[in-house]
All heavy atoms as atom14 arrays in JSON, in Angstrom:
{
  "sequence": "KVGWFTPELDPHKLLLLSYGAGRWDLLVIPPGSTAASAAR",
  "atom14_mask": [
    [1, 1, 1, 1, 1, 1, 1, 1, 1, 0, 0, 0, 0, 0],
    [1, 1, 1, 1, 1, 1, 1, 0, 0, 0, 0, 0, 0, 0],
    [1, 1, 1, 1, 0, 0, 0, 0, 0, 0, 0, 0, 0, 0],
    [1, 1, 1, 1, 1, 1, 1, 1, 1, 1, 1, 1, 1, 1],
    [1, 1, 1, 1, 1, 1, 1, 1, 1, 1, 1, 0, 0, 0],
    [1, 1, 1, 1, 1, 1, 1, 0, 0, 0, 0, 0, 0, 0],
    [1, 1, 1, 1, 1, 1, 1, 0, 0, 0, 0, 0, 0, 0],
    [1, 1, 1, 1, 1, 1, 1, 1, 1, 0, 0, 0, 0, 0],
    [1, 1, 1, 1, 1, 1, 1, 1, 0, 0, 0, 0, 0, 0],
    [1, 1, 1, 1, 1, 1, 1, 1, 0, 0, 0, 0, 0, 0],
    [1, 1, 1, 1, 1, 1, 1, 0, 0, 0, 0, 0, 0, 0],
    [1, 1, 1, 1, 1, 1, 1, 1, 1, 1, 0, 0, 0, 0],
    [1, 1, 1, 1, 1, 1, 1, 1, 1, 0, 0, 0, 0, 0],
    [1, 1, 1, 1, 1, 1, 1, 1, 0, 0, 0, 0, 0, 0],
    [1, 1, 1, 1, 1, 1, 1, 1, 0, 0, 0, 0, 0, 0],
    [1, 1, 1, 1, 1, 1, 1, 1, 0, 0, 0, 0, 0, 0],
    [1, 1, 1, 1, 1, 1, 1, 1, 0, 0, 0, 0, 0, 0],
    [1, 1, 1, 1, 1, 1, 0, 0, 0, 0, 0, 0, 0, 0],
    [1, 1, 1, 1, 1, 1, 1, 1, 1, 1, 1, 1, 0, 0],
    [1, 1, 1, 1, 0, 0, 0, 0, 0, 0, 0, 0, 0, 0],
    [1, 1, 1, 1, 1, 0, 0, 0, 0, 0, 0, 0, 0, 0],
    [1, 1, 1, 1, 0, 0, 0, 0, 0, 0, 0, 0, 0, 0],
    [1, 1, 1, 1, 1, 1, 1, 1, 1, 1, 1, 0, 0, 0],
    [1, 1, 1, 1, 1, 1, 1, 1, 1, 1, 1, 1, 1, 1],
    [1, 1, 1, 1, 1, 1, 1, 1, 0, 0, 0, 0, 0, 0],
    [1, 1, 1, 1, 1, 1, 1, 1, 0, 0, 0, 0, 0, 0],
    [1, 1, 1, 1, 1, 1, 1, 1, 0, 0, 0, 0, 0, 0],
    [1, 1, 1, 1, 1, 1, 1, 0, 0, 0, 0, 0, 0, 0],
    [1, 1, 1, 1, 1, 1, 1, 1, 0, 0, 0, 0, 0, 0],
    [1, 1, 1, 1, 1, 1, 1, 0, 0, 0, 0, 0, 0, 0],
    [1, 1, 1, 1, 1, 1, 1, 0, 0, 0, 0, 0, 0, 0],
    [1, 1, 1, 1, 0, 0, 0, 0, 0, 0, 0, 0, 0, 0],
    [1, 1, 1, 1, 1, 1, 0, 0, 0, 0, 0, 0, 0, 0],
    [1, 1, 1, 1, 1, 1, 1, 0, 0, 0, 0, 0, 0, 0],
    [1, 1, 1, 1, 1, 0, 0, 0, 0, 0, 0, 0, 0, 0],
    [1, 1, 1, 1, 1, 0, 0, 0, 0, 0, 0, 0, 0, 0],
    [1, 1, 1, 1, 1, 1, 0, 0, 0, 0, 0, 0, 0, 0],
    [1, 1, 1, 1, 1, 0, 0, 0, 0, 0, 0, 0, 0, 0],
    [1, 1, 1, 1, 1, 0, 0, 0, 0, 0, 0, 0, 0, 0],
    [1, 1, 1, 1, 1, 1, 1, 1, 1, 1, 1, 0, 0, 0]
  ],
  "atom14_positions": [
    [[9.03, 15.33, 18.52], [8.61, 14.0, 18.97], [7.95, 13.25, 17.82], [7.2, 13.83, 17.05], [7.65, 14.13, 20.14], [8.34, 14.71, 21.36], [7.41, 14.77, 22.53], [8.16, 15.34, 23.73], [7.32, 15.47, 24.9], [0.0, 0.0, 0.0], [0.0, 0.0, 0.0], [0.0, 0.0, 0.0], [0.0, 0.0, 0.0], [0.0, 0.0, 0.0]],
    [[8.25, 11.98, 17.72], [7.72, 11.14, 16.65], [6.93, 10.0, 17.27], [7.4, 9.34, 18.2], [8.85, 10.57, 15.76], [8.28, 9.76, 14.61], [9.74, 11.7, 15.24], [0.0, 0.0, 0.0], [0.0, 0.0, 0.0], [0.0, 0.0, 0.0], [0.0, 0.0, 0.0], [0.0, 0.0, 0.0], [0.0, 0.0, 0.0], [0.0, 0.0, 0.0]],
    [[5.72, 9.78, 16.76], [4.89, 8.68, 17.23], [4.38, 7.87, 16.06], [4.55, 8.26, 14.91], [0.0, 0.0, 0.0], [0.0, 0.0, 0.0], [0.0, 0.0, 0.0], [0.0, 0.0, 0.0], [0.0, 0.0, 0.0], [0.0, 0.0, 0.0], [0.0, 0.0, 0.0], [0.0, 0.0, 0.0], [0.0, 0.0, 0.0], [0.0, 0.0, 0.0]],
    [[3.76, 6.74, 16.35], [3.24, 5.92, 15.27], [1.87, 5.37, 15.66], [1.58, 5.14, 16.82], [4.2, 4.8, 14.9], [4.56, 3.87, 16.01], [5.62, 4.0, 16.86], [3.89, 2.68, 16.41], [5.64, 2.97, 17.75], [4.59, 2.14, 17.5], [2.76, 2.01, 15.95], [4.21, 0.96, 18.14], [2.38, 0.84, 16.59], [3.09, 0.33, 17.66]],
    [[1.04, 5.21, 14.65], [-0.31, 4.68, 14.81], [-0.55, 3.69, 13.67], [-0.38, 4.04, 12.52], [-1.35, 5.79, 14.75], [-1.14, 6.83, 15.81], [-0.44, 7.99, 15.54], [-1.62, 6.63, 17.09], [-0.24, 8.95, 16.52], [-1.42, 7.58, 18.08], [-0.73, 8.73, 17.8], [0.0, 0.0, 0.0], [0.0, 0.0, 0.0], [0.0, 0.0, 0.0]],
    [[-0.96, 2.49, 13.99], [-1.13, 1.48, 12.95], [-2.49, 1.55, 12.28], [-2.55, 1.84, 11.09], [-0.85, 0.08, 13.51], [0.43, 0.11, 14.14], [-0.84, -0.96, 12.42], [0.0, 0.0, 0.0], [0.0, 0.0, 0.0], [0.0, 0.0, 0.0], [0.0, 0.0, 0.0], [0.0, 0.0, 0.0], [0.0, 0.0, 0.0], [0.0, 0.0, 0.0]],
    [[-3.61, 1.33, 12.97], [-4.88, 1.3, 12.22], [-5.42, 2.69, 11.9], [-6.12, 2.88, 10.92], [-5.83, 0.56, 13.16], [-5.28, 0.75, 14.53], [-3.79, 0.95, 14.37], [0.0, 0.0, 0.0], [0.0, 0.0, 0.0], [0.0, 0.0, 0.0], [0.0, 0.0, 0.0], [0.0, 0.0, 0.0], [0.0, 0.0, 0.0], [0.0, 0.0, 0.0]],
    [[-5.08, 3.69, 12.71], [-5.7, 5.0, 12.57], [-5.08, 5.86, 11.46], [-5.7, 6.8, 10.99], [-5.59, 5.8, 13.88], [-6.25, 5.14, 15.07], [-5.3, 4.21, 15.83], [-4.15, 4.07, 15.4], [-5.74, 3.62, 16.82], [0.0, 0.0, 0.0], [0.0, 0.0, 0.0], [0.0, 0.0, 0.0], [0.0, 0.0, 0.0], [0.0, 0.0, 0.0]],
    [[-3.86, 5.58, 11.06], [-3.15, 6.45, 10.13], [-2.84, 5.71, 8.83], [-2.3, 4.6, 8.84], [-1.85, 6.94, 10.78], [-1.1, 8.08, 10.1], [-1.97, 9.31, 9.97], [0.15, 8.42, 10.87], [0.0, 0.0, 0.0], [0.0, 0.0, 0.0], [0.0, 0.0, 0.0], [0.0, 0.0, 0.0], [0.0, 0.0, 0.0], [0.0, 0.0, 0.0]],
    [[-3.19, 6.33, 7.71], [-2.91, 5.79, 6.38], [-1.41, 5.51, 6.27], [-0.59, 6.36, 6.6], [-3.35, 6.83, 5.34], [-3.28, 6.32, 3.92], [-2.28, 5.67, 3.55], [-4.23, 6.6, 3.17], [0.0, 0.0, 0.0], [0.0, 0.0, 0.0], [0.0, 0.0, 0.0], [0.0, 0.0, 0.0], [0.0, 0.0, 0.0], [0.0, 0.0, 0.0]],
    [[-1.0, 4.31, 5.8], [0.43, 4.0, 5.72], [1.21, 4.87, 4.74], [2.43, 4.92, 4.8], [0.46, 2.53, 5.29], [-0.9, 2.18, 4.87], [-1.84, 3.18, 5.44], [0.0, 0.0, 0.0], [0.0, 0.0, 0.0], [0.0, 0.0, 0.0], [0.0, 0.0, 0.0], [0.0, 0.0, 0.0], [0.0, 0.0, 0.0], [0.0, 0.0, 0.0]],
    [[0.51, 5.57, 3.83], [1.19, 6.44, 2.87], [1.05, 7.92, 3.23], [1.17, 8.79, 2.37], [0.65, 6.19, 1.45], [1.0, 4.84, 0.93], [2.26, 4.51, 0.5], [0.26, 3.71, 0.79], [2.29, 3.26, 0.1], [1.08, 2.75, 0.27], [0.0, 0.0, 0.0], [0.0, 0.0, 0.0], [0.0, 0.0, 0.0], [0.0, 0.0, 0.0]],
    [[0.81, 8.18, 4.51], [0.6, 9.56, 4.95], [1.49, 9.87, 6.15], [1.81, 9.0, 6.94], [-0.87, 9.77, 5.31], [-1.23, 11.2, 5.59], [-2.73, 11.43, 5.56], [-3.4, 10.97, 6.82], [-4.8, 11.39, 6.9], [0.0, 0.0, 0.0], [0.0, 0.0, 0.0], [0.0, 0.0, 0.0], [0.0, 0.0, 0.0], [0.0, 0.0, 0.0]],
    [[1.86, 11.14, 6.25], [2.64, 11.65, 7.37], [1.82, 12.77, 8.0], [1.33, 13.66, 7.3], [3.97, 12.2, 6.87], [4.98, 12.7, 7.88], [5.68, 11.52, 8.54], [6.02, 13.58, 7.19], [0.0, 0.0, 0.0], [0.0, 0.0, 0.0], [0.0, 0.0, 0.0], [0.0, 0.0, 0.0], [0.0, 0.0, 0.0], [0.0, 0.0, 0.0]],
    [[1.65, 12.73, 9.31], [0.89, 13.74, 10.03], [1.86, 14.62, 10.8], [2.71, 14.12, 11.53], [-0.08, 13.05, 11.0], [-0.81, 13.91, 12.0], [-1.84, 14.78, 11.31], [-1.48, 13.04, 13.05], [0.0, 0.0, 0.0], [0.0, 0.0, 0.0], [0.0, 0.0, 0.0], [0.0, 0.0, 0.0], [0.0, 0.0, 0.0], [0.0, 0.0, 0.0]],
    [[1.74, 15.94, 10.61], [2.61, 16.9, 11.31], [1.75, 17.82, 12.16], [0.71, 18.29, 11.7], [3.42, 17.72, 10.3], [4.32, 16.9, 9.39], [3.78, 16.93, 7.98], [5.73, 17.41, 9.42], [0.0, 0.0, 0.0], [0.0, 0.0, 0.0], [0.0, 0.0, 0.0], [0.0, 0.0, 0.0], [0.0, 0.0, 0.0], [0.0, 0.0, 0.0]],
    [[2.22, 18.1, 13.38], [1.51, 18.99, 14.29], [2.42, 20.12, 14.73], [3.61, 19.91, 14.98], [1.04, 18.22, 15.53], [0.07, 17.07, 15.29], [-0.08, 16.23, 16.54], [-1.28, 17.6, 14.86], [0.0, 0.0, 0.0], [0.0, 0.0, 0.0], [0.0, 0.0, 0.0], [0.0, 0.0, 0.0], [0.0, 0.0, 0.0], [0.0, 0.0, 0.0]],
    [[1.83, 21.3, 14.83], [2.56, 22.46, 15.32], [1.74, 23.08, 16.45], [0.55, 23.36, 16.27], [2.76, 23.49, 14.2], [3.41, 24.63, 14.69], [0.0, 0.0, 0.0], [0.0, 0.0, 0.0], [0.0, 0.0, 0.0], [0.0, 0.0, 0.0], [0.0, 0.0, 0.0], [0.0, 0.0, 0.0], [0.0, 0.0, 0.0], [0.0, 0.0, 0.0]],
    [[2.35, 23.24, 17.59], [1.63, 23.76, 18.74], [1.02, 25.12, 18.43], [1.71, 26.05, 18.05], [2.56, 23.87, 19.95], [1.9, 24.45, 21.16], [1.0, 23.68, 21.9], [2.14, 25.75, 21.57], [0.38, 24.2, 23.01], [1.52, 26.28, 22.68], [0.63, 25.49, 23.4], [0.0, 26.02, 24.49], [0.0, 0.0, 0.0], [0.0, 0.0, 0.0]],
    [[-0.27, 25.21, 18.53], [-0.97, 26.48, 18.31], [-1.13, 26.87, 16.86], [-1.76, 27.88, 16.56], [0.0, 0.0, 0.0], [0.0, 0.0, 0.0], [0.0, 0.0, 0.0], [0.0, 0.0, 0.0], [0.0, 0.0, 0.0], [0.0, 0.0, 0.0], [0.0, 0.0, 0.0], [0.0, 0.0, 0.0], [0.0, 0.0, 0.0], [0.0, 0.0, 0.0]],
    [[-0.56, 26.09, 15.93], [-0.66, 26.48, 14.52], [-1.48, 25.51, 13.7], [-2.03, 25.89, 12.68], [0.74, 26.61, 13.92], [0.0, 0.0, 0.0], [0.0, 0.0, 0.0], [0.0, 0.0, 0.0], [0.0, 0.0, 0.0], [0.0, 0.0, 0.0], [0.0, 0.0, 0.0], [0.0, 0.0, 0.0], [0.0, 0.0, 0.0], [0.0, 0.0, 0.0]],
    [[-1.58, 24.26, 14.08], [-2.43, 23.35, 13.34], [-1.84, 22.0, 13.03], [-0.8, 21.62, 13.55], [0.0, 0.0, 0.0], [0.0, 0.0, 0.0], [0.0, 0.0, 0.0], [0.0, 0.0, 0.0], [0.0, 0.0, 0.0], [0.0, 0.0, 0.0], [0.0, 0.0, 0.0], [0.0, 0.0, 0.0], [0.0, 0.0, 0.0], [0.0, 0.0, 0.0]],
    [[-2.54, 21.32, 12.14], [-2.18, 19.96, 11.71], [-2.13, 19.94, 10.19], [-2.93, 20.58, 9.52], [-3.26, 19.0, 12.22], [-3.26, 17.67, 11.52], [-4.5, 16.88, 11.84], [-4.61, 15.76, 10.93], [-5.26, 14.66, 11.2], [-5.9, 14.52, 12.33], [-5.31, 13.68, 10.31], [0.0, 0.0, 0.0], [0.0, 0.0, 0.0], [0.0, 0.0, 0.0]],
    [[-1.18, 19.16, 9.67], [-1.05, 19.01, 8.23], [-0.83, 17.54, 7.9], [-0.18, 16.81, 8.65], [0.13, 19.82, 7.7], [-0.03, 21.26, 8.04], [-0.78, 22.2, 7.38], [0.56, 21.94, 9.14], [-0.68, 23.41, 8.02], [0.13, 23.28, 9.1], [1.41, 21.56, 10.18], [0.51, 24.23, 10.03], [1.79, 22.49, 11.11], [1.35, 23.81, 11.03]],
    [[-1.38, 17.12, 6.76], [-1.26, 15.74, 6.3], [-0.56, 15.74, 4.95], [-1.01, 16.42, 4.02], [-2.64, 15.11, 6.16], [-3.36, 15.03, 7.48], [-3.1, 14.09, 8.24], [-4.2, 15.91, 7.77], [0.0, 0.0, 0.0], [0.0, 0.0, 0.0], [0.0, 0.0, 0.0], [0.0, 0.0, 0.0], [0.0, 0.0, 0.0], [0.0, 0.0, 0.0]],
    [[0.52, 14.99, 4.85], [1.27, 14.91, 3.6], [1.24, 13.48, 3.06], [1.42, 12.52, 3.8], [2.73, 15.32, 3.8], [3.01, 16.76, 4.18], [4.5, 16.96, 4.38], [2.48, 17.72, 3.13], [0.0, 0.0, 0.0], [0.0, 0.0, 0.0], [0.0, 0.0, 0.0], [0.0, 0.0, 0.0], [0.0, 0.0, 0.0], [0.0, 0.0, 0.0]],
    [[1.02, 13.37, 1.76], [1.2, 12.11, 1.06], [2.7, 11.79, 1.08], [3.51, 12.66, 0.79], [0.72, 12.23, -0.38], [1.12, 11.11, -1.35], [0.37, 9.83, -1.02], [0.85, 11.53, -2.78], [0.0, 0.0, 0.0], [0.0, 0.0, 0.0], [0.0, 0.0, 0.0], [0.0, 0.0, 0.0], [0.0, 0.0, 0.0], [0.0, 0.0, 0.0]],
    [[3.05, 10.56, 1.43], [4.45, 10.14, 1.38], [4.63, 9.3, 0.13], [4.09, 8.2, 0.01], [4.86, 9.33, 2.63], [6.32, 8.87, 2.51], [4.66, 10.15, 3.88], [0.0, 0.0, 0.0], [0.0, 0.0, 0.0], [0.0, 0.0, 0.0], [0.0, 0.0, 0.0], [0.0, 0.0, 0.0], [0.0, 0.0, 0.0], [0.0, 0.0, 0.0]],
    [[5.36, 9.84, -0.83], [5.62, 9.13, -2.08], [6.76, 8.14, -1.82], [7.79, 8.51, -1.25], [6.0, 10.12, -3.2], [4.83, 11.09, -3.43], [6.38, 9.4, -4.48], [5.18, 12.28, -4.3], [0.0, 0.0, 0.0], [0.0, 0.0, 0.0], [0.0, 0.0, 0.0], [0.0, 0.0, 0.0], [0.0, 0.0, 0.0], [0.0, 0.0, 0.0]],
    [[6.61, 6.87, -2.19], [7.67, 5.89, -1.91], [9.01, 6.35, -2.48], [9.09, 6.85, -3.61], [7.17, 4.63, -2.63], [5.68, 4.78, -2.66], [5.44, 6.25, -2.82], [0.0, 0.0, 0.0], [0.0, 0.0, 0.0], [0.0, 0.0, 0.0], [0.0, 0.0, 0.0], [0.0, 0.0, 0.0], [0.0, 0.0, 0.0], [0.0, 0.0, 0.0]],
    [[10.09, 6.22, -1.69], [11.4, 6.7, -2.13], [11.86, 6.13, -3.46], [12.55, 6.8, -4.22], [12.34, 6.25, -1.01], [11.47, 6.1, 0.18], [10.14, 5.69, -0.33], [0.0, 0.0, 0.0], [0.0, 0.0, 0.0], [0.0, 0.0, 0.0], [0.0, 0.0, 0.0], [0.0, 0.0, 0.0], [0.0, 0.0, 0.0], [0.0, 0.0, 0.0]],
    [[11.48, 4.89, -3.77], [11.92, 4.26, -5.02], [11.09, 4.64, -6.23], [11.33, 4.11, -7.33], [0.0, 0.0, 0.0], [0.0, 0.0, 0.0], [0.0, 0.0, 0.0], [0.0, 0.0, 0.0], [0.0, 0.0, 0.0], [0.0, 0.0, 0.0], [0.0, 0.0, 0.0], [0.0, 0.0, 0.0], [0.0, 0.0, 0.0], [0.0, 0.0, 0.0]],
    [[10.15, 5.56, -6.11], [9.29, 5.95, -7.24], [10.1, 6.63, -8.33], [11.11, 7.28, -8.07], [8.2, 6.92, -6.77], [7.38, 6.31, -5.81], [0.0, 0.0, 0.0], [0.0, 0.0, 0.0], [0.0, 0.0, 0.0], [0.0, 0.0, 0.0], [0.0, 0.0, 0.0], [0.0, 0.0, 0.0], [0.0, 0.0, 0.0], [0.0, 0.0, 0.0]],
    [[9.63, 6.51, -9.55], [10.27, 7.22, -10.66], [9.93, 8.7, -10.56], [8.96, 9.1, -9.9], [9.77, 6.69, -12.02], [8.36, 6.98, -12.13], [10.01, 5.19, -12.15], [0.0, 0.0, 0.0], [0.0, 0.0, 0.0], [0.0, 0.0, 0.0], [0.0, 0.0, 0.0], [0.0, 0.0, 0.0], [0.0, 0.0, 0.0], [0.0, 0.0, 0.0]],
    [[10.71, 9.53, -11.23], [10.46, 10.97, -11.21], [9.1, 11.28, -11.83], [8.39, 12.17, -11.35], [11.58, 11.7, -11.96], [0.0, 0.0, 0.0], [0.0, 0.0, 0.0], [0.0, 0.0, 0.0], [0.0, 0.0, 0.0], [0.0, 0.0, 0.0], [0.0, 0.0, 0.0], [0.0, 0.0, 0.0], [0.0, 0.0, 0.0], [0.0, 0.0, 0.0]],
    [[8.72, 10.55, -12.87], [7.42, 10.8, -13.51], [6.28, 10.46, -12.56], [5.31, 11.22, -12.44], [7.31, 9.97, -14.79], [0.0, 0.0, 0.0], [0.0, 0.0, 0.0], [0.0, 0.0, 0.0], [0.0, 0.0, 0.0], [0.0, 0.0, 0.0], [0.0, 0.0, 0.0], [0.0, 0.0, 0.0], [0.0, 0.0, 0.0], [0.0, 0.0, 0.0]],
    [[6.39, 9.35, -11.87], [5.36, 8.95, -10.92], [5.27, 9.96, -9.77], [4.19, 10.36, -9.36], [5.66, 7.55, -10.37], [4.74, 7.19, -9.37], [0.0, 0.0, 0.0], [0.0, 0.0, 0.0], [0.0, 0.0, 0.0], [0.0, 0.0, 0.0], [0.0, 0.0, 0.0], [0.0, 0.0, 0.0], [0.0, 0.0, 0.0], [0.0, 0.0, 0.0]],
    [[6.42, 10.37, -9.25], [6.44, 11.35, -8.16], [5.82, 12.67, -8.6], [5.07, 13.3, -7.84], [7.87, 11.57, -7.68], [0.0, 0.0, 0.0], [0.0, 0.0, 0.0], [0.0, 0.0, 0.0], [0.0, 0.0, 0.0], [0.0, 0.0, 0.0], [0.0, 0.0, 0.0], [0.0, 0.0, 0.0], [0.0, 0.0, 0.0], [0.0, 0.0, 0.0]],
    [[6.09, 13.09, -9.82], [5.52, 14.35, -10.32], [4.0, 14.26, -10.41], [3.29, 15.2, -10.04], [6.12, 14.69, -11.68], [0.0, 0.0, 0.0], [0.0, 0.0, 0.0], [0.0, 0.0, 0.0], [0.0, 0.0, 0.0], [0.0, 0.0, 0.0], [0.0, 0.0, 0.0], [0.0, 0.0, 0.0], [0.0, 0.0, 0.0], [0.0, 0.0, 0.0]],
    [[3.47, 13.14, -10.89], [2.02, 12.96, -10.96], [1.4, 13.0, -9.57], [0.37, 13.65, -9.34], [1.68, 11.63, -11.64], [1.89, 11.59, -13.13], [1.29, 10.33, -13.76], [1.8, 9.09, -13.19], [2.9, 8.46, -13.64], [3.59, 8.96, -14.65], [3.29, 7.33, -13.08], [0.0, 0.0, 0.0], [0.0, 0.0, 0.0], [0.0, 0.0, 0.0]]
  ]
}
């Protein structure tokens, strides 16, 4: 299931939930970024 939150969630972050296992937050690097920028 996918949901969205406007003010509560950083626009450059993805929140993942696993039942009984926890929550994880990932930085979302813009798709058009250069390889050097993505590596940094």
